[in-house]
Amino acid sequence: MVARATGSPTAYLRRSSAWLVGGFAITALLLAVVGLYGVVAYSVRQRTREIGVRMALGAPRASVYRLVLREAGRLIAVGLVFGLVGSVAAASLMRSLLFNVSAWDASALAGVAVVLAASALLASYLPARRAVSIDPVEALHGD
């Protein structure tokens, strides 16, 4: 009887390793999203009075969204640039360990950048939504 390639111990080890690395990647993504959410939420909390003044003076909700998301966008852009440079540098150093993938795999780098940017924007949207819902009277009343 011929052994199937999918049931071999080597295939099992590779599949298990891939699942393990995928699990660590998802955990790292969740930690990054929670961290960015915390930083942006803290920033919004620190600027509650400023946002309240803006809204009391008639600033539209869209401008408050832009204010918060622009700040988060800067953090996201800086993180993506450093991350892409670091990943290319690390892949260049580990060139002997990469099989059938170049260090400059543009589709993989672009895919990861898109997933990270989308996740980061989602994490930043929640504090921005909270900033828009700030009642100007309560924000200006005092702490």
C-alpha atoms as a PDB file:
ATOM      1  CA  MET A   1       0.000   0.000   0.000  1.00  0.00           C
ATOM      2  CA  VAL A   2       1.341   3.443  -0.923  1.00  0.00           C
ATOM      3  CA  ALA A   3       1.487   6.015   1.885  1.00  0.00           C
ATOM      4  CA  ARG A   4      -0.236   9.251   1.117  1.00  0.00           C
ATOM      5  CA  ALA A   5       1.945  12.368   1.213  1.00  0.00           C
ATOM      6  CA  THR A   6      -0.574  14.230   3.358  1.00  0.00           C
ATOM      7  CA  GLY A   7      -0.431  11.597   6.095  1.00  0.00           C
ATOM      8  CA  SER A   8       3.331  11.446   6.358  1.00  0.00           C
ATOM      9  CA  PRO A   9       5.068  12.588   9.540  1.00  0.00           C
ATOM     10  CA  THR A  10       6.942  15.275   7.614  1.00  0.00           C
ATOM     11  CA  ALA A  11       3.734  16.758   6.265  1.00  0.00           C
ATOM     12  CA  TYR A  12       2.213  16.647   9.743  1.00  0.00           C
ATOM     13  CA  LEU A  13       5.192  18.499  11.227  1.00  0.00           C
ATOM     14  CA  ARG A  14       5.077  21.169   8.524  1.00  0.00           C
ATOM     15  CA  ARG A  15       1.337  21.595   8.917  1.00  0.00           C
ATOM     16  CA  SER A  16       1.665  21.807  12.708  1.00  0.00           C
ATOM     17  CA  SER A  17       4.449  24.365  12.404  1.00  0.00           C
ATOM     18  CA  ALA A  18       2.368  26.444  10.019  1.00  0.00           C
ATOM     19  CA  TRP A  19      -0.604  26.406  12.420  1.00  0.00           C
ATOM     20  CA  LEU A  20       1.659  27.340  15.322  1.00  0.00           C
ATOM     21  CA  VAL A  21       3.221  30.264  13.446  1.00  0.00           C
ATOM     22  CA  GLY A  22      -0.244  31.364  12.296  1.00  0.00           C
ATOM     23  CA  GLY A  23      -1.484  31.316  15.870  1.00  0.00           C
ATOM     24  CA  PHE A  24       1.443  33.431  17.006  1.00  0.00           C
ATOM     25  CA  ALA A  25       0.819  35.841  14.116  1.00  0.00           C
ATOM     26  CA  ILE A  26      -2.840  36.265  15.069  1.00  0.00           C
ATOM     27  CA  THR A  27      -1.867  36.791  18.709  1.00  0.00           C
ATOM     28  CA  ALA A  28       0.683  39.431  17.678  1.00  0.00           C
ATOM     29  CA  LEU A  29      -1.920  41.185  15.501  1.00  0.00           C
ATOM     30  CA  LEU A  30      -4.413  41.234  18.374  1.00  0.00           C
ATOM     31  CA  LEU A  31      -1.795  42.619  20.767  1.00  0.00           C
ATOM     32  CA  ALA A  32      -0.863  45.337  18.277  1.00  0.00           C
ATOM     33  CA  VAL A  33      -4.511  46.290  17.740  1.00  0.00           C
ATOM     34  CA  VAL A  34      -5.212  46.421  21.482  1.00  0.00           C
ATOM     35  CA  GLY A  35      -2.060  48.489  22.032  1.00  0.00           C
ATOM     36  CA  LEU A  36      -2.934  51.000  19.335  1.00  0.00           C
ATOM     37  CA  TYR A  37      -6.504  51.181  20.625  1.00  0.00           C
ATOM     38  CA  GLY A  38      -5.149  51.961  24.087  1.00  0.00           C
ATOM     39  CA  VAL A  39      -2.832  54.699  22.837  1.00  0.00           C
ATOM     40  CA  VAL A  40      -5.523  56.392  20.746  1.00  0.00           C
ATOM     41  CA  ALA A  41      -8.155  56.044  23.487  1.00  0.00           C
ATOM     42  CA  TYR A  42      -5.748  57.598  25.988  1.00  0.00           C
ATOM     43  CA  SER A  43      -5.042  60.446  23.581  1.00  0.00           C
ATOM     44  CA  VAL A  44      -8.771  61.061  23.117  1.00  0.00           C
ATOM     45  CA  ARG A  45      -9.282  61.004  26.880  1.00  0.00           C
ATOM     46  CA  GLN A  46      -6.478  63.552  27.362  1.00  0.00           C
ATOM     47  CA  ARG A  47      -8.016  65.821  24.724  1.00  0.00           C
ATOM     48  CA  THR A  48     -11.617  65.622  25.946  1.00  0.00           C
ATOM     49  CA  ARG A  49     -11.756  69.326  26.804  1.00  0.00           C
ATOM     50  CA  GLU A  50     -10.293  70.346  23.446  1.00  0.00           C
ATOM     51  CA  ILE A  51     -12.757  68.165  21.579  1.00  0.00           C
ATOM     52  CA  GLY A  52     -15.588  69.515  23.730  1.00  0.00           C
ATOM     53  CA  VAL A  53     -14.590  73.098  22.890  1.00  0.00           C
ATOM     54  CA  ARG A  54     -14.441  72.270  19.195  1.00  0.00           C
ATOM     55  CA  MET A  55     -17.879  70.700  19.279  1.00  0.00           C
ATOM     56  CA  ALA A  56     -19.319  73.553  21.373  1.00  0.00           C
ATOM     57  CA  LEU A  57     -18.063  76.026  18.786  1.00  0.00           C
ATOM     58  CA  GLY A  58     -19.864  74.091  16.061  1.00  0.00           C
ATOM     59  CA  ALA A  59     -17.264  71.730  14.646  1.00  0.00           C
ATOM     60  CA  PRO A  60     -18.967  69.043  12.595  1.00  0.00           C
ATOM     61  CA  ARG A  61     -18.619  65.420  13.648  1.00  0.00           C
ATOM     62  CA  ALA A  62     -16.628  64.661  10.498  1.00  0.00           C
ATOM     63  CA  SER A  63     -13.897  67.087  11.541  1.00  0.00           C
ATOM     64  CA  VAL A  64     -13.588  65.378  14.934  1.00  0.00           C
ATOM     65  CA  TYR A  65     -13.336  62.002  13.183  1.00  0.00           C
ATOM     66  CA  ARG A  66     -10.622  63.430  10.927  1.00  0.00           C
ATOM     67  CA  LEU A  67      -8.770  64.901  13.911  1.00  0.00           C
ATOM     68  CA  VAL A  68      -8.556  61.574  15.728  1.00  0.00           C
ATOM     69  CA  LEU A  69      -8.015  59.392  12.656  1.00  0.00           C
ATOM     70  CA  ARG A  70      -5.307  61.713  11.286  1.00  0.00           C
ATOM     71  CA  GLU A  71      -3.314  61.320  14.500  1.00  0.00           C
ATOM     72  CA  ALA A  72      -3.796  57.555  14.398  1.00  0.00           C
ATOM     73  CA  GLY A  73      -2.909  57.533  10.703  1.00  0.00           C
ATOM     74  CA  ARG A  74       0.470  59.071  11.475  1.00  0.00           C
ATOM     75  CA  LEU A  75       1.173  56.334  13.996  1.00  0.00           C
ATOM     76  CA  ILE A  76       0.062  53.698  11.504  1.00  0.00           C
ATOM     77  CA  ALA A  77       2.193  55.118   8.689  1.00  0.00           C
ATOM     78  CA  VAL A  78       5.323  55.334  10.829  1.00  0.00           C
ATOM     79  CA  GLY A  79       4.754  51.795  12.111  1.00  0.00           C
ATOM     80  CA  LEU A  80       4.244  50.414   8.609  1.00  0.00           C
ATOM     81  CA  VAL A  81       7.372  52.095   7.257  1.00  0.00           C
ATOM     82  CA  PHE A  82       9.561  50.822  10.096  1.00  0.00           C
ATOM     83  CA  GLY A  83       7.932  47.394   9.898  1.00  0.00           C
ATOM     84  CA  LEU A  84       8.452  47.040   6.150  1.00  0.00           C
ATOM     85  CA  VAL A  85      12.079  48.164   6.376  1.00  0.00           C
ATOM     86  CA  GLY A  86      12.672  45.807   9.296  1.00  0.00           C
ATOM     87  CA  SER A  87      11.033  42.859   7.565  1.00  0.00           C
ATOM     88  CA  VAL A  88      13.067  43.327   4.390  1.00  0.00           C
ATOM     89  CA  ALA A  89      16.251  43.648   6.449  1.00  0.00           C
ATOM     90  CA  ALA A  90      15.416  40.519   8.463  1.00  0.00           C
ATOM     91  CA  ALA A  91      14.491  38.570   5.326  1.00  0.00           C
ATOM     92  CA  SER A  92      17.763  39.591   3.696  1.00  0.00           C
ATOM     93  CA  LEU A  93      19.682  38.302   6.703  1.00  0.00           C
ATOM     94  CA  MET A  94      17.733  35.030   6.678  1.00  0.00           C
ATOM     95  CA  ARG A  95      17.956  34.523   2.924  1.00  0.00           C
ATOM     96  CA  SER A  96      19.277  30.968   3.310  1.00  0.00           C
ATOM     97  CA  LEU A  97      16.178  29.945   5.279  1.00  0.00           C
ATOM     98  CA  LEU A  98      13.667  31.223   2.713  1.00  0.00           C
ATOM     99  CA  PHE A  99      12.518  28.662   0.162  1.00  0.00           C
ATOM    100  CA  ASN A 100      10.809  29.779  -3.051  1.00  0.00           C
ATOM    101  CA  VAL A 101      10.284  33.260  -1.611  1.00  0.00           C
ATOM    102  CA  SER A 102      12.475  36.270  -2.195  1.00  0.00           C
ATOM    103  CA  ALA A 103      13.291  38.806   0.480  1.00  0.00           C
ATOM    104  CA  TRP A 104      11.498  41.416  -1.631  1.00  0.00           C
ATOM    105  CA  ASP A 105       8.212  39.528  -2.118  1.00  0.00           C
ATOM    106  CA  ALA A 106       6.084  42.556  -2.906  1.00  0.00           C
ATOM    107  CA  SER A 107       2.747  40.749  -2.818  1.00  0.00           C
ATOM    108  CA  ALA A 108       3.378  39.311   0.659  1.00  0.00           C
ATOM    109  CA  LEU A 109       4.639  42.648   1.998  1.00  0.00           C
ATOM    110  CA  ALA A 110       1.695  44.528   0.484  1.00  0.00           C
ATOM    111  CA  GLY A 111      -0.787  41.987   1.823  1.00  0.00           C
ATOM    112  CA  VAL A 112       0.606  42.219   5.328  1.00  0.00           C
ATOM    113  CA  ALA A 113       0.673  46.030   5.155  1.00  0.00           C
ATOM    114  CA  VAL A 114      -2.978  46.127   4.046  1.00  0.00           C
ATOM    115  CA  VAL A 115      -4.096  43.761   6.829  1.00  0.00           C
ATOM    116  CA  LEU A 116      -2.154  45.723   9.459  1.00  0.00           C
ATOM    117  CA  ALA A 117      -3.410  49.094   8.209  1.00  0.00           C
ATOM    118  CA  ALA A 118      -7.035  47.910   8.130  1.00  0.00           C
ATOM    119  CA  SER A 119      -6.759  46.441  11.625  1.00  0.00           C
ATOM    120  CA  ALA A 120      -5.141  49.611  12.938  1.00  0.00           C
ATOM    121  CA  LEU A 121      -7.804  51.829  11.378  1.00  0.00           C
ATOM    122  CA  LEU A 122     -10.497  49.682  12.959  1.00  0.00           C
ATOM    123  CA  ALA A 123      -8.764  49.996  16.334  1.00  0.00           C
ATOM    124  CA  SER A 124      -8.599  53.777  15.857  1.00  0.00           C
ATOM    125  CA  TYR A 125     -12.202  54.107  14.735  1.00  0.00           C
ATOM    126  CA  LEU A 126     -13.609  53.085  18.120  1.00  0.00           C
ATOM    127  CA  PRO A 127     -11.937  55.925  20.094  1.00  0.00           C
ATOM    128  CA  ALA A 128     -12.826  58.336  17.277  1.00  0.00           C
ATOM    129  CA  ARG A 129     -16.468  57.314  17.621  1.00  0.00           C
ATOM    130  CA  ARG A 130     -16.234  57.902  21.360  1.00  0.00           C
ATOM    131  CA  ALA A 131     -14.723  61.351  20.727  1.00  0.00           C
ATOM    132  CA  VAL A 132     -17.625  62.293  18.484  1.00  0.00           C
ATOM    133  CA  SER A 133     -20.103  61.313  21.179  1.00  0.00           C
ATOM    134  CA  ILE A 134     -18.545  63.661  23.766  1.00  0.00           C
ATOM    135  CA  ASP A 135     -21.142  66.029  25.184  1.00  0.00           C
ATOM    136  CA  PRO A 136     -19.630  69.533  25.018  1.00  0.00           C
ATOM    137  CA  VAL A 137     -21.414  70.671  28.187  1.00  0.00           C
ATOM    138  CA  GLU A 138     -20.031  67.776  30.229  1.00  0.00           C
ATOM    139  CA  ALA A 139     -16.551  68.167  28.730  1.00  0.00           C
ATOM    140  CA  LEU A 140     -16.453  71.853  29.597  1.00  0.00           C
ATOM    141  CA  HIS A 141     -18.152  71.518  32.996  1.00  0.00           C
ATOM    142  CA  GLY A 142     -15.040  70.205  34.699  1.00  0.00           C
ATOM    143  CA  ASP A 143     -13.393  67.059  35.918  1.00  0.00           C
END
